[in-house]
Amino acid sequence: MDPSKKINFVAGLLLGVILSVIYFFIINSPSYILIKIFSPLEKLDVVKVNIAINGLDISFTDFDEEGEKVIKIPIDFPSKYELTATFTNGHVVSGQSGLVKPGYILYENISEEKIVHRIRAK
């Protein structure tokens, strides 16, 4: 085989591998939702948080000592979601429904008045 053909073959092969890695680990990476309970004065008494996304209704009640919970929800396409938090006194706050795309990380800060939403592209 001609040396220039070998170089072209190897270069094409390497380019294919690099593009595959970029696609599978960067472009096609799933989105994650990070839920953070936040109160400037004291820990909030959140009983339950619900996330509705892609026809799923995910609920949880367990948080760590700092009042945080990390949830990783893999998605393959842009999806709408909605988040609600229920407090011990029965009060419910809802966040604005938002659009999440693969590779995004969402931060949701929950207070007694509202849920503040912030997006970061991965």
N, C-alpha and C. Protein backbone atom coordinates (compact mmCIF):
# COMPACT_ATOMS: atom_id res chain seq x y z
N MET A 1 0.85 -1.18 0.00
CA MET A 1 0.00 0.00 0.00
C MET A 1 0.89 1.24 0.00
N ASP A 2 0.50 2.21 -0.75
CA ASP A 2 1.23 3.47 -0.87
C ASP A 2 1.25 4.17 0.49
N PRO A 3 2.41 4.73 0.94
CA PRO A 3 2.50 5.39 2.26
C PRO A 3 1.48 6.52 2.44
N SER A 4 1.19 7.28 1.39
CA SER A 4 0.21 8.36 1.54
C SER A 4 -1.19 7.80 1.76
N LYS A 5 -1.50 6.64 1.18
CA LYS A 5 -2.81 6.01 1.40
C LYS A 5 -2.91 5.50 2.83
N LYS A 6 -1.78 4.97 3.36
CA LYS A 6 -1.77 4.51 4.75
C LYS A 6 -2.03 5.68 5.70
N ILE A 7 -1.37 6.80 5.43
CA ILE A 7 -1.55 7.99 6.28
C ILE A 7 -2.99 8.46 6.21
N ASN A 8 -3.56 8.51 5.01
CA ASN A 8 -4.95 8.93 4.86
C ASN A 8 -5.90 7.97 5.57
N PHE A 9 -5.62 6.67 5.47
CA PHE A 9 -6.45 5.67 6.13
C PHE A 9 -6.40 5.84 7.64
N VAL A 10 -5.21 5.96 8.19
CA VAL A 10 -5.04 6.13 9.65
C VAL A 10 -5.68 7.44 10.11
N ALA A 11 -5.48 8.52 9.34
CA ALA A 11 -6.07 9.81 9.70
C ALA A 11 -7.59 9.72 9.69
N GLY A 12 -8.15 9.06 8.69
CA GLY A 12 -9.61 8.88 8.62
C GLY A 12 -10.14 8.05 9.77
N LEU A 13 -9.40 7.00 10.11
CA LEU A 13 -9.78 6.15 11.23
C LEU A 13 -9.75 6.92 12.54
N LEU A 14 -8.69 7.67 12.76
CA LEU A 14 -8.59 8.48 13.99
C LEU A 14 -9.68 9.54 14.05
N LEU A 15 -9.98 10.18 12.94
CA LEU A 15 -11.04 11.17 12.91
C LEU A 15 -12.38 10.55 13.26
N GLY A 16 -12.63 9.35 12.73
CA GLY A 16 -13.86 8.64 13.05
C GLY A 16 -13.98 8.31 14.53
N VAL A 17 -12.89 7.87 15.12
CA VAL A 17 -12.88 7.55 16.55
C VAL A 17 -13.11 8.82 17.38
N ILE A 18 -12.44 9.90 17.03
CA ILE A 18 -12.58 11.16 17.76
C ILE A 18 -14.01 11.69 17.66
N LEU A 19 -14.60 11.67 16.47
CA LEU A 19 -15.98 12.13 16.30
C LEU A 19 -16.96 11.24 17.06
N SER A 20 -16.71 9.94 17.10
CA SER A 20 -17.58 9.04 17.87
C SER A 20 -17.51 9.35 19.36
N VAL A 21 -16.31 9.58 19.87
CA VAL A 21 -16.15 9.92 21.29
C VAL A 21 -16.87 11.23 21.60
N ILE A 22 -16.70 12.23 20.75
CA ILE A 22 -17.37 13.51 20.96
C ILE A 22 -18.88 13.32 20.97
N TYR A 23 -19.41 12.55 20.06
CA TYR A 23 -20.85 12.34 19.98
C TYR A 23 -21.37 11.62 21.22
N PHE A 24 -20.75 10.50 21.58
CA PHE A 24 -21.28 9.69 22.66
C PHE A 24 -21.06 10.29 24.05
N PHE A 25 -19.99 11.05 24.25
CA PHE A 25 -19.71 11.56 25.57
C PHE A 25 -20.02 13.03 25.76
N ILE A 26 -20.19 13.78 24.71
CA ILE A 26 -20.46 15.21 24.85
C ILE A 26 -21.82 15.56 24.28
N ILE A 27 -22.02 15.35 23.01
CA ILE A 27 -23.27 15.75 22.36
C ILE A 27 -24.44 14.92 22.86
N ASN A 28 -24.24 13.62 22.99
CA ASN A 28 -25.33 12.72 23.34
C ASN A 28 -25.41 12.46 24.85
N SER A 29 -24.75 13.27 25.65
CA SER A 29 -24.77 13.04 27.09
C SER A 29 -26.15 13.38 27.65
N PRO A 30 -26.61 12.62 28.63
CA PRO A 30 -27.94 12.88 29.18
C PRO A 30 -27.96 14.15 30.02
N SER A 31 -29.15 14.70 30.20
CA SER A 31 -29.33 15.86 31.07
C SER A 31 -29.50 15.40 32.50
N TYR A 32 -29.17 16.28 33.39
CA TYR A 32 -29.35 16.01 34.81
C TYR A 32 -30.07 17.17 35.44
N ILE A 33 -30.94 16.86 36.38
CA ILE A 33 -31.60 17.91 37.14
C ILE A 33 -31.02 17.88 38.55
N LEU A 34 -30.51 18.99 39.00
CA LEU A 34 -29.98 19.12 40.35
C LEU A 34 -31.00 19.91 41.16
N ILE A 35 -31.55 19.30 42.20
CA ILE A 35 -32.52 19.96 43.06
C ILE A 35 -31.80 20.43 44.31
N LYS A 36 -31.91 21.71 44.62
CA LYS A 36 -31.28 22.24 45.83
C LYS A 36 -32.32 22.99 46.65
N ILE A 37 -32.52 22.56 47.85
CA ILE A 37 -33.43 23.24 48.77
C ILE A 37 -32.65 24.38 49.40
N PHE A 38 -33.23 25.57 49.41
CA PHE A 38 -32.51 26.75 49.85
C PHE A 38 -33.39 27.63 50.72
N SER A 39 -32.87 28.06 51.83
CA SER A 39 -33.52 29.05 52.68
C SER A 39 -32.43 29.89 53.33
N PRO A 40 -32.50 31.23 53.20
CA PRO A 40 -31.44 32.07 53.76
C PRO A 40 -31.40 32.07 55.29
N LEU A 41 -32.53 31.83 55.95
CA LEU A 41 -32.55 31.94 57.41
C LEU A 41 -32.50 30.59 58.11
N GLU A 42 -33.22 29.62 57.61
CA GLU A 42 -33.28 28.32 58.26
C GLU A 42 -33.62 27.25 57.24
N LYS A 43 -33.42 26.02 57.63
CA LYS A 43 -33.74 24.92 56.73
C LYS A 43 -35.26 24.86 56.52
N LEU A 44 -35.68 24.73 55.29
CA LEU A 44 -37.10 24.65 54.98
C LEU A 44 -37.65 23.27 55.32
N ASP A 45 -38.93 23.25 55.66
CA ASP A 45 -39.60 21.98 55.96
C ASP A 45 -40.30 21.47 54.71
N VAL A 46 -39.52 21.00 53.74
CA VAL A 46 -40.08 20.45 52.51
C VAL A 46 -40.37 18.97 52.75
N VAL A 47 -41.61 18.59 52.52
CA VAL A 47 -42.01 17.21 52.72
C VAL A 47 -41.77 16.38 51.47
N LYS A 48 -42.11 16.98 50.31
CA LYS A 48 -42.04 16.21 49.07
C LYS A 48 -41.77 17.13 47.90
N VAL A 49 -40.98 16.64 46.94
CA VAL A 49 -40.74 17.35 45.68
C VAL A 49 -41.16 16.42 44.55
N ASN A 50 -41.91 16.97 43.59
CA ASN A 50 -42.35 16.22 42.42
C ASN A 50 -41.74 16.83 41.17
N ILE A 51 -41.29 15.96 40.27
CA ILE A 51 -40.81 16.39 38.96
C ILE A 51 -41.62 15.62 37.92
N ALA A 52 -42.26 16.34 37.02
CA ALA A 52 -42.98 15.71 35.92
C ALA A 52 -42.18 15.96 34.65
N ILE A 53 -41.72 14.88 34.01
CA ILE A 53 -40.93 15.00 32.79
C ILE A 53 -41.17 13.77 31.91
N ASN A 54 -41.38 14.00 30.64
CA ASN A 54 -41.57 12.92 29.66
C ASN A 54 -42.63 11.91 30.07
N GLY A 55 -43.71 12.40 30.64
CA GLY A 55 -44.78 11.49 31.06
C GLY A 55 -44.52 10.77 32.37
N LEU A 56 -43.36 11.00 32.98
CA LEU A 56 -43.04 10.40 34.27
C LEU A 56 -43.34 11.39 35.39
N ASP A 57 -43.76 10.87 36.52
CA ASP A 57 -43.94 11.70 37.72
C ASP A 57 -43.01 11.14 38.78
N ILE A 58 -41.94 11.86 39.06
CA ILE A 58 -40.92 11.40 40.01
C ILE A 58 -41.09 12.19 41.30
N SER A 59 -41.27 11.48 42.42
CA SER A 59 -41.41 12.12 43.73
C SER A 59 -40.32 11.62 44.66
N PHE A 60 -39.89 12.51 45.54
CA PHE A 60 -38.93 12.09 46.55
C PHE A 60 -39.11 12.93 47.80
N THR A 61 -38.68 12.36 48.92
CA THR A 61 -38.82 13.02 50.21
C THR A 61 -37.50 13.06 50.98
N ASP A 62 -36.50 12.38 50.50
CA ASP A 62 -35.24 12.30 51.25
C ASP A 62 -34.22 13.31 50.75
N PHE A 63 -33.70 14.10 51.67
CA PHE A 63 -32.69 15.11 51.38
C PHE A 63 -31.50 14.88 52.32
N ASP A 64 -30.34 15.40 51.97
CA ASP A 64 -29.20 15.27 52.87
C ASP A 64 -29.30 16.32 53.99
N GLU A 65 -28.30 16.36 54.88
CA GLU A 65 -28.33 17.26 56.04
C GLU A 65 -28.38 18.73 55.64
N GLU A 66 -27.84 19.08 54.48
CA GLU A 66 -27.85 20.48 54.01
C GLU A 66 -29.15 20.81 53.28
N GLY A 67 -30.06 19.86 53.18
CA GLY A 67 -31.32 20.11 52.48
C GLY A 67 -31.18 20.03 50.98
N GLU A 68 -30.24 19.23 50.50
CA GLU A 68 -30.02 19.10 49.06
C GLU A 68 -30.37 17.70 48.60
N LYS A 69 -30.70 17.61 47.34
CA LYS A 69 -30.97 16.32 46.71
C LYS A 69 -30.52 16.43 45.26
N VAL A 70 -29.76 15.45 44.79
CA VAL A 70 -29.33 15.42 43.39
C VAL A 70 -30.08 14.29 42.70
N ILE A 71 -30.72 14.64 41.60
CA ILE A 71 -31.45 13.64 40.81
C ILE A 71 -30.90 13.67 39.41
N LYS A 72 -30.54 12.53 38.88
CA LYS A 72 -30.05 12.43 37.51
C LYS A 72 -31.09 11.71 36.67
N ILE A 73 -31.63 12.43 35.71
CA ILE A 73 -32.65 11.87 34.83
C ILE A 73 -32.11 11.89 33.41
N PRO A 74 -31.78 10.74 32.85
CA PRO A 74 -31.27 10.73 31.47
C PRO A 74 -32.39 11.00 30.48
N ILE A 75 -32.11 11.85 29.50
CA ILE A 75 -33.06 12.10 28.41
C ILE A 75 -32.29 12.12 27.09
N ASP A 76 -32.99 11.80 26.03
CA ASP A 76 -32.36 11.72 24.71
C ASP A 76 -32.81 12.82 23.76
N PHE A 77 -33.78 13.62 24.16
CA PHE A 77 -34.32 14.65 23.29
C PHE A 77 -34.83 15.80 24.16
N PRO A 78 -35.01 17.00 23.58
CA PRO A 78 -35.53 18.12 24.37
C PRO A 78 -36.85 17.74 25.04
N SER A 79 -36.97 18.07 26.30
CA SER A 79 -38.14 17.67 27.09
C SER A 79 -38.60 18.81 27.97
N LYS A 80 -39.92 18.90 28.16
CA LYS A 80 -40.48 19.87 29.11
C LYS A 80 -40.60 19.19 30.46
N TYR A 81 -40.40 19.98 31.51
CA TYR A 81 -40.56 19.44 32.85
C TYR A 81 -41.22 20.49 33.74
N GLU A 82 -41.77 20.02 34.84
CA GLU A 82 -42.35 20.91 35.84
C GLU A 82 -42.00 20.39 37.22
N LEU A 83 -41.72 21.30 38.13
CA LEU A 83 -41.30 20.93 39.48
C LEU A 83 -42.21 21.59 40.50
N THR A 84 -42.64 20.82 41.51
CA THR A 84 -43.42 21.37 42.62
C THR A 84 -42.82 20.88 43.93
N ALA A 85 -42.96 21.70 44.97
CA ALA A 85 -42.49 21.34 46.31
C ALA A 85 -43.63 21.53 47.29
N THR A 86 -43.81 20.56 48.18
CA THR A 86 -44.86 20.61 49.20
C THR A 86 -44.19 20.71 50.57
N PHE A 87 -44.64 21.66 51.38
CA PHE A 87 -44.09 21.89 52.71
C PHE A 87 -44.92 21.19 53.78
N THR A 88 -44.38 21.09 54.99
CA THR A 88 -45.08 20.39 56.08
C THR A 88 -46.43 21.02 56.41
N ASN A 89 -46.57 22.32 56.20
CA ASN A 89 -47.84 23.00 56.49
C ASN A 89 -48.85 22.87 55.35
N GLY A 90 -48.49 22.13 54.28
CA GLY A 90 -49.39 21.92 53.15
C GLY A 90 -49.21 22.92 52.02
N HIS A 91 -48.43 23.96 52.25
CA HIS A 91 -48.17 24.97 51.22
C HIS A 91 -47.41 24.34 50.05
N VAL A 92 -47.81 24.66 48.81
CA VAL A 92 -47.18 24.11 47.61
C VAL A 92 -46.66 25.26 46.76
N VAL A 93 -45.41 25.15 46.30
CA VAL A 93 -44.87 26.11 45.33
C VAL A 93 -44.52 25.34 44.06
N SER A 94 -44.71 26.02 42.94
CA SER A 94 -44.40 25.41 41.65
C SER A 94 -43.39 26.26 40.92
N GLY A 95 -42.51 25.60 40.20
CA GLY A 95 -41.57 26.30 39.35
C GLY A 95 -42.17 26.46 37.97
N GLN A 96 -41.64 27.38 37.22
CA GLN A 96 -42.08 27.52 35.84
C GLN A 96 -41.67 26.26 35.09
N SER A 97 -42.55 25.81 34.21
CA SER A 97 -42.14 24.66 33.41
C SER A 97 -41.05 25.12 32.47
N GLY A 98 -40.09 24.26 32.23
CA GLY A 98 -38.96 24.64 31.40
C GLY A 98 -38.62 23.56 30.40
N LEU A 99 -37.72 23.89 29.52
CA LEU A 99 -37.25 22.96 28.50
C LEU A 99 -35.82 22.57 28.82
N VAL A 100 -35.55 21.28 28.86
CA VAL A 100 -34.21 20.78 29.10
C VAL A 100 -33.78 19.97 27.89
N LYS A 101 -32.53 20.14 27.51
CA LYS A 101 -31.97 19.42 26.38
C LYS A 101 -30.83 18.54 26.86
N PRO A 102 -30.52 17.48 26.12
CA PRO A 102 -29.40 16.63 26.53
C PRO A 102 -28.13 17.46 26.74
N GLY A 103 -27.47 17.21 27.87
CA GLY A 103 -26.23 17.92 28.19
C GLY A 103 -26.43 19.10 29.13
N TYR A 104 -27.68 19.46 29.44
CA TYR A 104 -27.94 20.58 30.34
C TYR A 104 -27.96 20.11 31.78
N ILE A 105 -27.60 21.00 32.69
CA ILE A 105 -27.74 20.75 34.12
C ILE A 105 -28.64 21.86 34.66
N LEU A 106 -29.63 21.49 35.44
CA LEU A 106 -30.59 22.45 35.98
C LEU A 106 -30.40 22.57 37.49
N TYR A 107 -30.44 23.79 37.96
CA TYR A 107 -30.38 24.06 39.39
C TYR A 107 -31.72 24.66 39.79
N GLU A 108 -32.37 24.07 40.78
CA GLU A 108 -33.66 24.53 41.25
C GLU A 108 -33.52 24.90 42.73
N ASN A 109 -33.62 26.19 43.03
CA ASN A 109 -33.55 26.65 44.41
C ASN A 109 -34.96 26.87 44.92
N ILE A 110 -35.33 26.14 45.94
CA ILE A 110 -36.70 26.16 46.46
C ILE A 110 -36.75 27.01 47.71
N SER A 111 -37.66 27.98 47.72
CA SER A 111 -37.93 28.77 48.93
C SER A 111 -39.43 28.70 49.19
N GLU A 112 -39.88 29.29 50.29
CA GLU A 112 -41.30 29.24 50.61
C GLU A 112 -42.16 30.02 49.62
N GLU A 113 -41.55 31.00 48.94
CA GLU A 113 -42.32 31.84 48.02
C GLU A 113 -42.30 31.33 46.58
N LYS A 114 -41.18 30.75 46.15
CA LYS A 114 -41.05 30.39 44.74
C LYS A 114 -39.91 29.40 44.53
N ILE A 115 -39.83 28.91 43.31
CA ILE A 115 -38.72 28.05 42.88
C ILE A 115 -37.97 28.83 41.82
N VAL A 116 -36.69 29.08 42.08
CA VAL A 116 -35.86 29.82 41.13
C VAL A 116 -35.08 28.82 40.29
N HIS A 117 -35.18 28.99 38.98
CA HIS A 117 -34.62 28.04 38.02
C HIS A 117 -33.40 28.66 37.33
N ARG A 118 -32.33 27.85 37.24
CA ARG A 118 -31.12 28.30 36.53
C ARG A 118 -30.60 27.14 35.71
N ILE A 119 -30.22 27.42 34.45
CA ILE A 119 -29.72 26.38 33.53
C ILE A 119 -28.24 26.59 33.28
N ARG A 120 -27.53 25.49 33.15
CA ARG A 120 -26.13 25.55 32.73
C ARG A 120 -25.91 24.46 31.69
N ALA A 121 -25.39 24.84 30.55
CA ALA A 121 -25.06 23.85 29.53
C ALA A 121 -23.79 23.14 29.97
N LYS A 122 -23.79 21.85 29.81
CA LYS A 122 -22.65 21.04 30.27
C LYS A 122 -21.43 21.29 29.46
